[in-house]
All heavy atoms as atom14 arrays in JSON, in Angstrom:
{
  "sequence": "EQQVERNLEEWPEARQVMRRLGAAFNAVTGGGFLDLYFHPDCVR",
  "atom14_mask": [
    [1, 1, 1, 1, 1, 1, 1, 1, 1, 0, 0, 0, 0, 0],
    [1, 1, 1, 1, 1, 1, 1, 1, 1, 0, 0, 0, 0, 0],
    [1, 1, 1, 1, 1, 1, 1, 1, 1, 0, 0, 0, 0, 0],
    [1, 1, 1, 1, 1, 1, 1, 0, 0, 0, 0, 0, 0, 0],
    [1, 1, 1, 1, 1, 1, 1, 1, 1, 0, 0, 0, 0, 0],
    [1, 1, 1, 1, 1, 1, 1, 1, 1, 1, 1, 0, 0, 0],
    [1, 1, 1, 1, 1, 1, 1, 1, 0, 0, 0, 0, 0, 0],
    [1, 1, 1, 1, 1, 1, 1, 1, 0, 0, 0, 0, 0, 0],
    [1, 1, 1, 1, 1, 1, 1, 1, 1, 0, 0, 0, 0, 0],
    [1, 1, 1, 1, 1, 1, 1, 1, 1, 0, 0, 0, 0, 0],
    [1, 1, 1, 1, 1, 1, 1, 1, 1, 1, 1, 1, 1, 1],
    [1, 1, 1, 1, 1, 1, 1, 0, 0, 0, 0, 0, 0, 0],
    [1, 1, 1, 1, 1, 1, 1, 1, 1, 0, 0, 0, 0, 0],
    [1, 1, 1, 1, 1, 0, 0, 0, 0, 0, 0, 0, 0, 0],
    [1, 1, 1, 1, 1, 1, 1, 1, 1, 1, 1, 0, 0, 0],
    [1, 1, 1, 1, 1, 1, 1, 1, 1, 0, 0, 0, 0, 0],
    [1, 1, 1, 1, 1, 1, 1, 0, 0, 0, 0, 0, 0, 0],
    [1, 1, 1, 1, 1, 1, 1, 1, 0, 0, 0, 0, 0, 0],
    [1, 1, 1, 1, 1, 1, 1, 1, 1, 1, 1, 0, 0, 0],
    [1, 1, 1, 1, 1, 1, 1, 1, 1, 1, 1, 0, 0, 0],
    [1, 1, 1, 1, 1, 1, 1, 1, 0, 0, 0, 0, 0, 0],
    [1, 1, 1, 1, 0, 0, 0, 0, 0, 0, 0, 0, 0, 0],
    [1, 1, 1, 1, 1, 0, 0, 0, 0, 0, 0, 0, 0, 0],
    [1, 1, 1, 1, 1, 0, 0, 0, 0, 0, 0, 0, 0, 0],
    [1, 1, 1, 1, 1, 1, 1, 1, 1, 1, 1, 0, 0, 0],
    [1, 1, 1, 1, 1, 1, 1, 1, 0, 0, 0, 0, 0, 0],
    [1, 1, 1, 1, 1, 0, 0, 0, 0, 0, 0, 0, 0, 0],
    [1, 1, 1, 1, 1, 1, 1, 0, 0, 0, 0, 0, 0, 0],
    [1, 1, 1, 1, 1, 1, 1, 0, 0, 0, 0, 0, 0, 0],
    [1, 1, 1, 1, 0, 0, 0, 0, 0, 0, 0, 0, 0, 0],
    [1, 1, 1, 1, 0, 0, 0, 0, 0, 0, 0, 0, 0, 0],
    [1, 1, 1, 1, 0, 0, 0, 0, 0, 0, 0, 0, 0, 0],
    [1, 1, 1, 1, 1, 1, 1, 1, 1, 1, 1, 0, 0, 0],
    [1, 1, 1, 1, 1, 1, 1, 1, 0, 0, 0, 0, 0, 0],
    [1, 1, 1, 1, 1, 1, 1, 1, 0, 0, 0, 0, 0, 0],
    [1, 1, 1, 1, 1, 1, 1, 1, 0, 0, 0, 0, 0, 0],
    [1, 1, 1, 1, 1, 1, 1, 1, 1, 1, 1, 1, 0, 0],
    [1, 1, 1, 1, 1, 1, 1, 1, 1, 1, 1, 0, 0, 0],
    [1, 1, 1, 1, 1, 1, 1, 1, 1, 1, 0, 0, 0, 0],
    [1, 1, 1, 1, 1, 1, 1, 0, 0, 0, 0, 0, 0, 0],
    [1, 1, 1, 1, 1, 1, 1, 1, 0, 0, 0, 0, 0, 0],
    [1, 1, 1, 1, 1, 1, 0, 0, 0, 0, 0, 0, 0, 0],
    [1, 1, 1, 1, 1, 1, 1, 0, 0, 0, 0, 0, 0, 0],
    [1, 1, 1, 1, 1, 1, 1, 1, 1, 1, 1, 0, 0, 0]
  ],
  "atom14_positions": [
    [[-14.96, -73.71, -54.57], [-14.49, -74.78, -55.45], [-14.47, -74.29, -56.89], [-15.34, -73.55, -57.32], [-15.39, -76.01, -55.32], [-14.82, -77.21, -56.0], [-15.47, -78.5, -55.53], [-16.04, -78.52, -54.43], [-15.39, -79.48, -56.28], [0.0, 0.0, 0.0], [0.0, 0.0, 0.0], [0.0, 0.0, 0.0], [0.0, 0.0, 0.0], [0.0, 0.0, 0.0]],
    [[-13.47, -74.69, -57.62], [-13.28, -74.26, -59.01], [-14.03, -75.18, -59.95], [-13.94, -76.4, -59.84], [-11.78, -74.25, -59.33], [-11.45, -73.79, -60.73], [-9.96, -73.54, -60.87], [-9.33, -73.04, -59.97], [-9.42, -73.89, -62.02], [0.0, 0.0, 0.0], [0.0, 0.0, 0.0], [0.0, 0.0, 0.0], [0.0, 0.0, 0.0], [0.0, 0.0, 0.0]],
    [[-14.74, -74.58, -60.89], [-15.39, -75.35, -61.95], [-14.34, -75.61, -63.02], [-13.84, -74.69, -63.64], [-16.58, -74.57, -62.53], [-17.65, -74.26, -61.51], [-18.22, -75.51, -60.85], [-18.47, -76.5, -61.51], [-18.38, -75.46, -59.54], [0.0, 0.0, 0.0], [0.0, 0.0, 0.0], [0.0, 0.0, 0.0], [0.0, 0.0, 0.0], [0.0, 0.0, 0.0]],
    [[-14.01, -76.87, -63.24], [-12.94, -77.24, -64.15], [-13.54, -77.75, -65.46], [-14.32, -78.69, -65.47], [-12.03, -78.32, -63.53], [-10.93, -78.71, -64.5], [-11.46, -77.84, -62.22], [0.0, 0.0, 0.0], [0.0, 0.0, 0.0], [0.0, 0.0, 0.0], [0.0, 0.0, 0.0], [0.0, 0.0, 0.0], [0.0, 0.0, 0.0], [0.0, 0.0, 0.0]],
    [[-13.17, -77.08, -66.56], [-13.62, -77.52, -67.87], [-12.63, -78.49, -68.51], [-13.0, -79.33, -69.3], [-13.81, -76.31, -68.78], [-14.92, -75.39, -68.3], [-15.09, -74.17, -69.16], [-14.64, -74.19, -70.32], [-15.67, -73.2, -68.66], [0.0, 0.0, 0.0], [0.0, 0.0, 0.0], [0.0, 0.0, 0.0], [0.0, 0.0, 0.0], [0.0, 0.0, 0.0]],
    [[-11.36, -78.33, -68.18], [-10.31, -79.21, -68.69], [-9.49, -79.7, -67.51], [-9.87, -79.52, -66.37], [-9.41, -78.44, -69.67], [-10.13, -77.97, -70.9], [-9.19, -77.37, -71.89], [-8.59, -76.15, -71.35], [-7.77, -75.39, -72.03], [-7.42, -75.7, -73.25], [-7.28, -74.3, -71.5], [0.0, 0.0, 0.0], [0.0, 0.0, 0.0], [0.0, 0.0, 0.0]],
    [[-8.34, -80.26, -67.79], [-7.41, -80.72, -66.77], [-6.98, -79.53, -65.91], [-6.63, -78.48, -66.43], [-6.21, -81.36, -67.46], [-5.22, -81.95, -66.49], [-5.14, -81.57, -65.32], [-4.45, -82.89, -66.98], [0.0, 0.0, 0.0], [0.0, 0.0, 0.0], [0.0, 0.0, 0.0], [0.0, 0.0, 0.0], [0.0, 0.0, 0.0], [0.0, 0.0, 0.0]],
    [[-6.97, -79.7, -64.61], [-6.59, -78.64, -63.69], [-5.18, -78.13, -63.95], [-4.85, -76.99, -63.64], [-6.69, -79.17, -62.25], [-6.74, -78.16, -61.12], [-7.95, -77.24, -61.26], [-6.77, -78.87, -59.79], [0.0, 0.0, 0.0], [0.0, 0.0, 0.0], [0.0, 0.0, 0.0], [0.0, 0.0, 0.0], [0.0, 0.0, 0.0], [0.0, 0.0, 0.0]],
    [[-4.33, -78.96, -64.56], [-2.94, -78.58, -64.81], [-2.74, -77.82, -66.11], [-1.62, -77.47, -66.46], [-2.05, -79.82, -64.76], [-2.02, -80.44, -63.38], [-1.11, -81.64, -63.29], [-0.6, -82.1, -64.32], [-0.91, -82.11, -62.16], [0.0, 0.0, 0.0], [0.0, 0.0, 0.0], [0.0, 0.0, 0.0], [0.0, 0.0, 0.0], [0.0, 0.0, 0.0]],
    [[-3.82, -77.57, -66.86], [-3.71, -76.76, -68.07], [-3.58, -75.3, -67.68], [-4.02, -74.88, -66.62], [-4.95, -76.98, -68.96], [-5.1, -78.39, -69.47], [-4.02, -78.78, -70.46], [-3.54, -77.92, -71.22], [-3.64, -79.97, -70.47], [0.0, 0.0, 0.0], [0.0, 0.0, 0.0], [0.0, 0.0, 0.0], [0.0, 0.0, 0.0], [0.0, 0.0, 0.0]],
    [[-2.99, -74.52, -68.58], [-2.66, -73.12, -68.29], [-3.82, -72.3, -67.71], [-3.7, -71.73, -66.63], [-2.08, -72.46, -69.55], [-1.75, -71.03, -69.34], [-2.45, -69.95, -69.79], [-0.63, -70.49, -68.63], [-1.86, -68.79, -69.41], [-0.73, -69.1, -68.69], [0.42, -71.06, -67.94], [0.2, -68.25, -68.1], [1.35, -70.22, -67.34], [1.23, -68.84, -67.43]],
    [[-5.0, -72.22, -68.38], [-6.04, -71.34, -67.83], [-6.58, -71.81, -66.48], [-6.84, -70.99, -65.6], [-7.15, -71.36, -68.89], [-6.69, -72.2, -70.0], [-5.38, -72.81, -69.65], [0.0, 0.0, 0.0], [0.0, 0.0, 0.0], [0.0, 0.0, 0.0], [0.0, 0.0, 0.0], [0.0, 0.0, 0.0], [0.0, 0.0, 0.0], [0.0, 0.0, 0.0]],
    [[-6.71, -73.11, -66.31], [-7.22, -73.63, -65.05], [-6.21, -73.42, -63.93], [-6.58, -73.05, -62.81], [-7.58, -75.12, -65.19], [-8.86, -75.38, -65.95], [-8.77, -75.18, -67.46], [-7.65, -75.08, -67.99], [-9.83, -75.13, -68.1], [0.0, 0.0, 0.0], [0.0, 0.0, 0.0], [0.0, 0.0, 0.0], [0.0, 0.0, 0.0], [0.0, 0.0, 0.0]],
    [[-4.94, -73.67, -64.2], [-3.9, -73.48, -63.18], [-3.8, -72.02, -62.78], [-3.62, -71.69, -61.6], [-2.56, -73.98, -63.69], [0.0, 0.0, 0.0], [0.0, 0.0, 0.0], [0.0, 0.0, 0.0], [0.0, 0.0, 0.0], [0.0, 0.0, 0.0], [0.0, 0.0, 0.0], [0.0, 0.0, 0.0], [0.0, 0.0, 0.0], [0.0, 0.0, 0.0]],
    [[-3.93, -71.11, -63.74], [-3.9, -69.67, -63.41], [-5.08, -69.3, -62.49], [-4.93, -68.5, -61.59], [-3.93, -68.83, -64.67], [-2.77, -69.08, -65.59], [-1.71, -68.05, -65.65], [-2.2, -66.69, -65.66], [-1.52, -65.71, -65.13], [-0.36, -65.94, -64.58], [-1.97, -64.49, -65.16], [0.0, 0.0, 0.0], [0.0, 0.0, 0.0], [0.0, 0.0, 0.0]],
    [[-6.23, -69.91, -62.73], [-7.38, -69.65, -61.88], [-7.13, -70.2, -60.47], [-7.49, -69.57, -59.49], [-8.64, -70.27, -62.5], [-9.9, -69.88, -61.78], [-11.15, -70.42, -62.45], [-11.08, -71.11, -63.47], [-12.29, -70.13, -61.87], [0.0, 0.0, 0.0], [0.0, 0.0, 0.0], [0.0, 0.0, 0.0], [0.0, 0.0, 0.0], [0.0, 0.0, 0.0]],
    [[-6.52, -71.37, -60.38], [-6.16, -71.93, -59.07], [-5.24, -70.95, -58.34], [-5.44, -70.66, -57.15], [-5.45, -73.3, -59.21], [-4.8, -73.73, -57.9], [-6.41, -74.36, -59.7], [0.0, 0.0, 0.0], [0.0, 0.0, 0.0], [0.0, 0.0, 0.0], [0.0, 0.0, 0.0], [0.0, 0.0, 0.0], [0.0, 0.0, 0.0], [0.0, 0.0, 0.0]],
    [[-4.25, -70.41, -59.04], [-3.31, -69.48, -58.41], [-4.03, -68.21, -57.93], [-3.74, -67.7, -56.85], [-2.18, -69.14, -59.37], [-1.27, -70.33, -59.59], [0.08, -70.15, -60.79], [0.21, -68.45, -61.13], [0.0, 0.0, 0.0], [0.0, 0.0, 0.0], [0.0, 0.0, 0.0], [0.0, 0.0, 0.0], [0.0, 0.0, 0.0], [0.0, 0.0, 0.0]],
    [[-4.95, -67.69, -58.73], [-5.71, -66.49, -58.31], [-6.53, -66.78, -57.06], [-6.56, -65.99, -56.12], [-6.62, -66.01, -59.44], [-5.91, -65.21, -60.5], [-6.89, -64.5, -61.42], [-7.63, -65.43, -62.26], [-7.2, -65.93, -63.4], [-6.01, -65.59, -63.87], [-7.93, -66.76, -64.09], [0.0, 0.0, 0.0], [0.0, 0.0, 0.0], [0.0, 0.0, 0.0]],
    [[-7.2, -67.95, -57.05], [-8.0, -68.31, -55.88], [-7.14, -68.51, -54.64], [-7.49, -68.05, -53.56], [-8.78, -69.6, -56.18], [-9.89, -69.4, -57.2], [-10.59, -70.69, -57.65], [-10.87, -71.63, -56.59], [-10.22, -72.78, -56.41], [-9.25, -73.16, -57.22], [-10.55, -73.58, -55.43], [0.0, 0.0, 0.0], [0.0, 0.0, 0.0], [0.0, 0.0, 0.0]],
    [[-5.98, -69.16, -54.81], [-5.08, -69.37, -53.68], [-4.53, -68.05, -53.17], [-4.49, -67.8, -51.96], [-3.94, -70.32, -54.07], [-2.89, -70.6, -53.0], [-3.51, -71.09, -51.7], [-1.86, -71.59, -53.52], [0.0, 0.0, 0.0], [0.0, 0.0, 0.0], [0.0, 0.0, 0.0], [0.0, 0.0, 0.0], [0.0, 0.0, 0.0], [0.0, 0.0, 0.0]],
    [[-4.11, -67.18, -54.07], [-3.58, -65.87, -53.65], [-4.61, -65.06, -52.9], [-4.31, -64.44, -51.87], [0.0, 0.0, 0.0], [0.0, 0.0, 0.0], [0.0, 0.0, 0.0], [0.0, 0.0, 0.0], [0.0, 0.0, 0.0], [0.0, 0.0, 0.0], [0.0, 0.0, 0.0], [0.0, 0.0, 0.0], [0.0, 0.0, 0.0], [0.0, 0.0, 0.0]],
    [[-5.86, -65.04, -53.38], [-6.93, -64.28, -52.72], [-7.27, -64.88, -51.36], [-7.46, -64.15, -50.37], [-8.17, -64.24, -53.61], [0.0, 0.0, 0.0], [0.0, 0.0, 0.0], [0.0, 0.0, 0.0], [0.0, 0.0, 0.0], [0.0, 0.0, 0.0], [0.0, 0.0, 0.0], [0.0, 0.0, 0.0], [0.0, 0.0, 0.0], [0.0, 0.0, 0.0]],
    [[-7.33, -66.21, -51.28], [-7.64, -66.87, -50.01], [-6.52, -66.63, -48.99], [-6.79, -66.36, -47.82], [-7.86, -68.36, -50.22], [0.0, 0.0, 0.0], [0.0, 0.0, 0.0], [0.0, 0.0, 0.0], [0.0, 0.0, 0.0], [0.0, 0.0, 0.0], [0.0, 0.0, 0.0], [0.0, 0.0, 0.0], [0.0, 0.0, 0.0], [0.0, 0.0, 0.0]],
    [[-5.27, -66.71, -49.45], [-4.13, -66.45, -48.56], [-4.19, -65.01, -48.05], [-4.01, -64.76, -46.86], [-2.81, -66.69, -49.31], [-1.59, -66.45, -48.48], [-1.11, -67.44, -47.65], [-0.94, -65.23, -48.51], [0.02, -67.22, -46.86], [0.19, -65.0, -47.74], [0.67, -66.01, -46.91], [0.0, 0.0, 0.0], [0.0, 0.0, 0.0], [0.0, 0.0, 0.0]],
    [[-4.48, -64.07, -48.93], [-4.6, -62.66, -48.56], [-5.67, -62.49, -47.48], [-5.46, -61.76, -46.51], [-4.93, -61.84, -49.81], [-5.09, -60.37, -49.5], [-6.16, -59.94, -49.09], [-4.03, -59.62, -49.72], [0.0, 0.0, 0.0], [0.0, 0.0, 0.0], [0.0, 0.0, 0.0], [0.0, 0.0, 0.0], [0.0, 0.0, 0.0], [0.0, 0.0, 0.0]],
    [[-6.79, -63.16, -47.64], [-7.9, -63.03, -46.69], [-7.54, -63.59, -45.31], [-7.8, -62.94, -44.3], [-9.15, -63.72, -47.24], [0.0, 0.0, 0.0], [0.0, 0.0, 0.0], [0.0, 0.0, 0.0], [0.0, 0.0, 0.0], [0.0, 0.0, 0.0], [0.0, 0.0, 0.0], [0.0, 0.0, 0.0], [0.0, 0.0, 0.0], [0.0, 0.0, 0.0]],
    [[-6.95, -64.79, -45.25], [-6.67, -65.42, -43.95], [-5.47, -64.82, -43.24], [-5.34, -64.98, -42.03], [-6.53, -66.96, -44.04], [-7.78, -67.59, -44.61], [-5.29, -67.38, -44.77], [0.0, 0.0, 0.0], [0.0, 0.0, 0.0], [0.0, 0.0, 0.0], [0.0, 0.0, 0.0], [0.0, 0.0, 0.0], [0.0, 0.0, 0.0], [0.0, 0.0, 0.0]],
    [[-4.6, -64.14, -43.97], [-3.41, -63.55, -43.34], [-3.58, -62.06, -43.09], [-2.65, -61.4, -42.66], [-2.14, -63.8, -44.17], [-2.3, -63.2, -45.45], [-1.82, -65.27, -44.28], [0.0, 0.0, 0.0], [0.0, 0.0, 0.0], [0.0, 0.0, 0.0], [0.0, 0.0, 0.0], [0.0, 0.0, 0.0], [0.0, 0.0, 0.0], [0.0, 0.0, 0.0]],
    [[-4.74, -61.52, -43.41], [-4.98, -60.1, -43.16], [-4.22, -59.2, -44.12], [-3.7, -58.17, -43.72], [0.0, 0.0, 0.0], [0.0, 0.0, 0.0], [0.0, 0.0, 0.0], [0.0, 0.0, 0.0], [0.0, 0.0, 0.0], [0.0, 0.0, 0.0], [0.0, 0.0, 0.0], [0.0, 0.0, 0.0], [0.0, 0.0, 0.0], [0.0, 0.0, 0.0]],
    [[-4.12, -59.61, -45.37], [-3.46, -58.77, -46.37], [-2.13, -59.3, -46.86], [-1.43, -58.62, -47.61], [0.0, 0.0, 0.0], [0.0, 0.0, 0.0], [0.0, 0.0, 0.0], [0.0, 0.0, 0.0], [0.0, 0.0, 0.0], [0.0, 0.0, 0.0], [0.0, 0.0, 0.0], [0.0, 0.0, 0.0], [0.0, 0.0, 0.0], [0.0, 0.0, 0.0]],
    [[-1.77, -60.51, -46.47], [-0.5, -61.09, -46.89], [-0.48, -61.37, -48.39], [-1.51, -61.63, -49.0], [0.0, 0.0, 0.0], [0.0, 0.0, 0.0], [0.0, 0.0, 0.0], [0.0, 0.0, 0.0], [0.0, 0.0, 0.0], [0.0, 0.0, 0.0], [0.0, 0.0, 0.0], [0.0, 0.0, 0.0], [0.0, 0.0, 0.0], [0.0, 0.0, 0.0]],
    [[0.7, -61.29, -48.96], [0.87, -61.54, -50.39], [1.61, -62.85, -50.57], [2.64, -63.09, -49.93], [1.67, -60.4, -51.04], [2.01, -60.66, -52.48], [1.03, -60.57, -53.46], [3.3, -61.01, -52.85], [1.33, -60.82, -54.8], [3.62, -61.25, -54.18], [2.63, -61.15, -55.16], [0.0, 0.0, 0.0], [0.0, 0.0, 0.0], [0.0, 0.0, 0.0]],
    [[1.08, -63.7, -51.43], [1.7, -64.98, -51.74], [2.17, -64.94, -53.18], [1.36, -64.86, -54.1], [0.7, -66.12, -51.54], [1.2, -67.55, -51.72], [2.38, -67.84, -50.77], [0.08, -68.53, -51.47], [0.0, 0.0, 0.0], [0.0, 0.0, 0.0], [0.0, 0.0, 0.0], [0.0, 0.0, 0.0], [0.0, 0.0, 0.0], [0.0, 0.0, 0.0]],
    [[3.49, -64.93, -53.36], [4.07, -64.9, -54.7], [3.96, -66.29, -55.31], [4.47, -67.26, -54.75], [5.54, -64.46, -54.6], [6.16, -64.16, -55.95], [5.41, -63.91, -56.91], [7.4, -64.15, -56.02], [0.0, 0.0, 0.0], [0.0, 0.0, 0.0], [0.0, 0.0, 0.0], [0.0, 0.0, 0.0], [0.0, 0.0, 0.0], [0.0, 0.0, 0.0]],
    [[3.26, -66.38, -56.45], [3.0, -67.67, -57.08], [3.52, -67.66, -58.5], [3.43, -66.66, -59.2], [1.48, -67.93, -57.14], [0.78, -68.0, -55.79], [-0.72, -67.8, -55.96], [1.06, -69.33, -55.14], [0.0, 0.0, 0.0], [0.0, 0.0, 0.0], [0.0, 0.0, 0.0], [0.0, 0.0, 0.0], [0.0, 0.0, 0.0], [0.0, 0.0, 0.0]],
    [[4.06, -68.81, -58.92], [4.55, -68.94, -60.3], [4.16, -70.33, -60.81], [4.38, -71.33, -60.13], [6.07, -68.78, -60.35], [6.6, -68.81, -61.75], [6.52, -67.68, -62.57], [7.15, -69.97, -62.27], [7.0, -67.72, -63.87], [7.62, -70.01, -63.57], [7.54, -68.88, -64.37], [8.0, -68.93, -65.66], [0.0, 0.0, 0.0], [0.0, 0.0, 0.0]],
    [[3.57, -70.37, -62.01], [3.12, -71.63, -62.59], [4.18, -72.17, -63.54], [4.67, -71.47, -64.41], [1.8, -71.43, -63.35], [1.32, -72.65, -64.07], [1.03, -73.82, -63.37], [1.15, -72.64, -65.43], [0.57, -74.95, -64.04], [0.68, -73.77, -66.11], [0.4, -74.92, -65.4], [0.0, 0.0, 0.0], [0.0, 0.0, 0.0], [0.0, 0.0, 0.0]],
    [[4.5, -73.46, -63.38], [5.4, -74.17, -64.28], [4.56, -75.22, -65.01], [4.15, -76.21, -64.41], [6.5, -74.9, -63.5], [7.32, -74.03, -62.62], [8.4, -73.33, -63.08], [7.2, -73.73, -61.31], [8.92, -72.64, -62.08], [8.2, -72.86, -61.0], [0.0, 0.0, 0.0], [0.0, 0.0, 0.0], [0.0, 0.0, 0.0], [0.0, 0.0, 0.0]],
    [[4.28, -75.01, -66.3], [3.51, -76.02, -67.04], [4.28, -77.34, -67.12], [5.49, -77.36, -66.91], [3.34, -75.42, -68.43], [3.97, -74.08, -68.41], [4.68, -73.89, -67.12], [0.0, 0.0, 0.0], [0.0, 0.0, 0.0], [0.0, 0.0, 0.0], [0.0, 0.0, 0.0], [0.0, 0.0, 0.0], [0.0, 0.0, 0.0], [0.0, 0.0, 0.0]],
    [[3.55, -78.41, -67.41], [4.24, -79.69, -67.54], [5.25, -79.62, -68.69], [5.08, -78.85, -69.62], [3.27, -80.86, -67.73], [2.44, -80.73, -68.99], [2.28, -79.62, -69.51], [1.93, -81.76, -69.45], [0.0, 0.0, 0.0], [0.0, 0.0, 0.0], [0.0, 0.0, 0.0], [0.0, 0.0, 0.0], [0.0, 0.0, 0.0], [0.0, 0.0, 0.0]],
    [[6.29, -80.39, -68.55], [7.39, -80.31, -69.5], [7.66, -81.7, -70.08], [8.16, -82.58, -69.37], [8.63, -79.76, -68.81], [10.07, -79.64, -69.89], [0.0, 0.0, 0.0], [0.0, 0.0, 0.0], [0.0, 0.0, 0.0], [0.0, 0.0, 0.0], [0.0, 0.0, 0.0], [0.0, 0.0, 0.0], [0.0, 0.0, 0.0], [0.0, 0.0, 0.0]],
    [[7.33, -81.87, -71.34], [7.56, -83.15, -71.99], [9.06, -83.44, -72.1], [9.52, -84.55, -71.88], [6.91, -83.17, -73.39], [7.24, -84.44, -74.13], [5.4, -82.99, -73.27], [0.0, 0.0, 0.0], [0.0, 0.0, 0.0], [0.0, 0.0, 0.0], [0.0, 0.0, 0.0], [0.0, 0.0, 0.0], [0.0, 0.0, 0.0], [0.0, 0.0, 0.0]],
    [[9.82, -82.39, -72.38], [11.27, -82.55, -72.56], [11.96, -83.04, -71.29], [12.79, -83.92, -71.33], [11.87, -81.22, -73.01], [13.32, -81.29, -73.36], [13.78, -79.99, -73.96], [13.19, -78.86, -73.27], [13.87, -77.83, -72.79], [15.14, -77.75, -72.97], [13.27, -76.85, -72.17], [0.0, 0.0, 0.0], [0.0, 0.0, 0.0], [0.0, 0.0, 0.0]]
  ]
}
């Protein structure tokens, strides 16, 4: 579980989520790579 200091959707927290997801995916798939891209919220 991730320790969240701010909103999970903020840049540093979301990047940490992506790292954790990529590593977990790699582990359960025996080395699989999950290409991830973060889109921050867009006021416009």
